[in-house]
Amino acid sequence: MELQPAKAYLITVGGDINEIFPENGETFELEEAQAHVEGYIEIVHLTKNQIMIVNEEGKFDKEYNPIATGIADLHRALWSGDYICGNVVICPSPMLP
């Protein structure tokens, strides 16, 4: 599956990748983003216009997410040896004001 930069996707720890849409049609509310990642959010900047929304405390109680980690590595968005746990959302930066 090719991810389109203008769309939003939920990438689960189980390897599912699904296009998602903000409830209001334009931007994700904080609570909505938190529901997708199942906790407090942290932003990983992939490009100037694209972000990955991750669970801030995912490493404490969530499973490793190999797809999200691979995407972040490809964009050089992680420190060497770092990794991502839990479900993530990838979306254009303006979708999370």
Protein backbone atom coordinates (compact mmCIF):
# COMPACT_ATOMS: atom_id res chain seq x y z
CA MET A 1 0.00 0.00 0.00
CA GLU A 2 1.34 3.40 -0.95
CA LEU A 3 0.64 6.09 1.64
CA GLN A 4 -0.56 9.36 0.11
CA PRO A 5 0.90 12.45 1.83
CA ALA A 6 -2.42 14.34 1.79
CA LYS A 7 -4.31 11.58 3.61
CA ALA A 8 -4.36 10.31 7.20
CA TYR A 9 -3.66 6.71 8.18
CA LEU A 10 -3.88 4.62 11.31
CA ILE A 11 -1.06 2.07 11.53
CA THR A 12 -1.67 -0.56 14.18
CA VAL A 13 0.85 -2.76 15.98
CA GLY A 14 -0.77 -5.70 14.21
CA GLY A 15 0.28 -4.32 10.83
CA ASP A 16 -3.07 -2.96 9.67
CA ILE A 17 -2.95 0.30 7.71
CA ASN A 18 -6.29 2.07 7.31
CA GLU A 19 -7.16 5.48 5.96
CA ILE A 20 -8.91 7.56 8.62
CA PHE A 21 -10.73 10.87 8.58
CA PRO A 22 -11.12 13.59 11.22
CA GLU A 23 -14.63 13.64 12.65
CA ASN A 24 -15.10 17.28 11.62
CA GLY A 25 -13.74 16.56 8.13
CA GLU A 26 -10.66 18.78 8.42
CA THR A 27 -8.59 18.47 11.61
CA PHE A 28 -8.17 15.98 14.43
CA GLU A 29 -9.23 17.20 17.85
CA LEU A 30 -6.79 16.36 20.65
CA GLU A 31 -9.15 13.81 22.19
CA GLU A 32 -9.65 12.17 18.80
CA ALA A 33 -5.90 11.81 18.25
CA GLN A 34 -5.51 10.45 21.79
CA ALA A 35 -8.21 7.84 21.12
CA HIS A 36 -6.39 6.62 18.00
CA VAL A 37 -3.05 6.16 19.81
CA GLU A 38 -4.68 5.10 23.09
CA GLY A 39 -3.04 7.71 25.31
CA TYR A 40 -1.25 11.04 25.46
CA ILE A 41 0.19 12.10 22.14
CA GLU A 42 3.68 12.95 21.00
CA ILE A 43 4.50 14.30 17.54
CA VAL A 44 7.26 12.83 15.37
CA HIS A 45 8.04 15.10 12.40
CA LEU A 46 8.51 13.04 9.25
CA THR A 47 8.75 15.90 6.73
CA LYS A 48 8.02 19.60 6.71
CA ASN A 49 4.36 18.83 6.02
CA GLN A 50 3.79 15.36 7.47
CA ILE A 51 3.72 14.10 11.05
CA MET A 52 3.38 10.85 12.93
CA ILE A 53 1.24 10.99 16.07
CA VAL A 54 2.44 8.42 18.61
CA ASN A 55 1.57 7.43 22.15
CA GLU A 56 3.90 9.46 24.38
CA GLU A 57 4.18 6.60 26.88
CA GLY A 58 3.80 3.73 24.40
CA LYS A 59 7.12 2.12 25.30
CA PHE A 60 5.82 1.48 28.83
CA ASP A 61 2.80 -0.63 27.95
CA LYS A 62 2.27 -0.96 24.19
CA GLU A 63 3.63 -3.47 21.69
CA TYR A 64 6.43 -2.64 19.26
CA ASN A 65 5.17 -1.19 15.96
CA PRO A 66 7.62 -2.30 13.24
CA ILE A 67 5.86 -0.51 10.37
CA ALA A 68 5.74 2.84 12.18
CA THR A 69 9.36 2.43 13.30
CA GLY A 70 10.42 1.66 9.72
CA ILE A 71 8.61 4.71 8.34
CA ALA A 72 10.14 6.97 10.99
CA ASP A 73 13.60 5.49 10.27
CA LEU A 74 13.20 6.12 6.53
CA HIS A 75 12.54 9.79 7.31
CA ARG A 76 15.44 9.90 9.79
CA ALA A 77 12.96 10.98 12.46
CA LEU A 78 14.35 8.73 15.22
CA TRP A 79 17.64 8.51 17.04
CA SER A 80 19.74 5.47 16.25
CA GLY A 81 18.30 2.44 18.05
CA ASP A 82 15.04 4.20 18.93
CA TYR A 83 11.68 2.60 18.13
CA ILE A 84 7.93 3.21 18.28
CA CYS A 85 5.34 1.25 20.25
CA GLY A 86 1.58 1.38 19.96
CA ASN A 87 -0.76 2.47 17.21
CA VAL A 88 0.16 5.62 15.30
CA VAL A 89 -1.47 8.14 13.02
CA ILE A 90 0.35 9.56 10.01
CA CYS A 91 -1.18 12.71 8.58
CA PRO A 92 -0.43 16.11 7.08
CA SER A 93 0.74 18.50 9.81
CA PRO A 94 -2.22 20.90 9.34
CA MET A 95 -4.59 18.08 10.36
CA LEU A 96 -3.40 18.49 13.97
CA PRO A 97 -3.52 22.22 14.72
